[in-house]
Structures are given as C-alpha cells and as structure tokens.
Amino acid sequence: MMKLIGKLQNGMTFTEEFDGVNDFLALQQSDYNAIADEIEVVEVKIADEVLDFKGNMGQLYYELMNK
C-alpha cells in the first residue's frame, strides 16, 4: 500500500492511495498521469513507513524509479 498527500497551488491538500509503488509508477507512465508532476508532495507512506522525501510528484517518480 502506498499513500500520498499532495498540495495544490491554491494550498488545498488531497490524499491518493495506490496498491503499491509499482501501481503508482505504472499510472504515472501511462498516457494520463495519475497526478500532475508539478504538484508538491506533503507526505508519502509506503507500507506504513513515512518516506523521507521533499519535492514534487515528478521528482518522487524519478526517485522511486531509481530505487
């Protein structure tokens, strides 16, 4: 299980859940991104562990692809 909290430019936050890291990566690789790359990441939890990460969705995608 992977849970993301993102922050929009207007300051509103939202939560998205994925079956796992591979599910998130596959959706981001599709023609229709699950979440826009420029959205700020507030928090990422993978299997109930908080990932030490600061950046946007595009940077998160890159980091997870290279793990």
Protein backbone atom coordinates (compact mmCIF):
# COMPACT_ATOMS: atom_id res chain seq x y z
CA MET A 1 0.00 0.00 0.00
CA MET A 2 1.22 3.47 -0.87
CA LYS A 3 -0.42 6.67 0.35
CA LEU A 4 0.40 10.15 -0.95
CA ILE A 5 -0.62 13.53 0.38
CA GLY A 6 -0.25 16.27 -2.18
CA LYS A 7 -0.65 20.04 -2.03
CA LEU A 8 -2.20 22.05 -4.85
CA GLN A 9 -1.07 25.56 -5.78
CA ASN A 10 -4.11 27.03 -4.02
CA GLY A 11 -2.97 25.40 -0.74
CA MET A 12 -5.57 22.64 -0.64
CA THR A 13 -4.30 19.15 0.17
CA PHE A 14 -5.54 15.80 -1.12
CA THR A 15 -4.81 12.13 -0.47
CA GLU A 16 -4.34 9.37 -3.03
CA GLU A 17 -3.86 5.68 -2.31
CA PHE A 18 -2.26 3.08 -4.56
CA ASP A 19 -1.90 -0.69 -4.25
CA GLY A 20 1.85 -0.18 -4.08
CA VAL A 21 4.82 1.64 -5.57
CA ASN A 22 4.56 -0.29 -8.85
CA ASP A 23 0.91 0.77 -9.21
CA PHE A 24 1.88 4.44 -8.76
CA LEU A 25 4.76 4.15 -11.24
CA ALA A 26 2.60 2.41 -13.85
CA LEU A 27 -0.12 5.06 -13.61
CA GLN A 28 2.43 7.87 -13.90
CA GLN A 29 3.89 6.21 -17.03
CA SER A 30 0.52 5.95 -18.73
CA ASP A 31 -0.71 8.50 -21.26
CA TYR A 32 -2.80 10.04 -18.47
CA ASN A 33 -0.68 10.80 -15.40
CA ALA A 34 -2.36 9.84 -12.15
CA ILE A 35 -1.09 13.06 -10.56
CA ALA A 36 0.49 16.06 -12.30
CA ASP A 37 4.29 16.18 -11.96
CA GLU A 38 4.39 19.74 -10.60
CA ILE A 39 2.17 19.02 -7.55
CA GLU A 40 4.06 19.31 -4.24
CA VAL A 41 4.40 16.15 -2.14
CA VAL A 42 3.49 16.69 1.52
CA GLU A 43 3.90 13.09 2.70
CA VAL A 44 4.50 9.62 1.27
CA LYS A 45 3.80 6.41 3.18
CA ILE A 46 4.85 3.06 1.80
CA ALA A 47 3.67 0.07 3.84
CA ASP A 48 3.01 2.36 6.86
CA GLU A 49 6.55 3.81 6.77
CA VAL A 50 6.92 7.53 6.05
CA LEU A 51 9.40 8.15 3.24
CA ASP A 52 11.92 10.92 3.90
CA PHE A 53 11.19 12.95 0.77
CA LYS A 54 10.76 16.60 -0.20
CA GLY A 55 9.84 17.68 -3.72
CA ASN A 56 7.12 17.32 -6.34
CA MET A 57 5.42 14.31 -7.93
CA GLY A 58 7.83 14.24 -10.86
CA GLN A 59 10.80 14.11 -8.52
CA LEU A 60 9.11 11.40 -6.44
CA TYR A 61 8.53 9.34 -9.59
CA TYR A 62 12.19 9.69 -10.54
CA GLU A 63 13.37 8.70 -7.04
CA LEU A 64 11.13 5.63 -6.88
CA MET A 65 12.14 4.51 -10.39
CA ASN A 66 15.80 4.58 -9.37
CA LYS A 67 15.46 2.59 -6.13
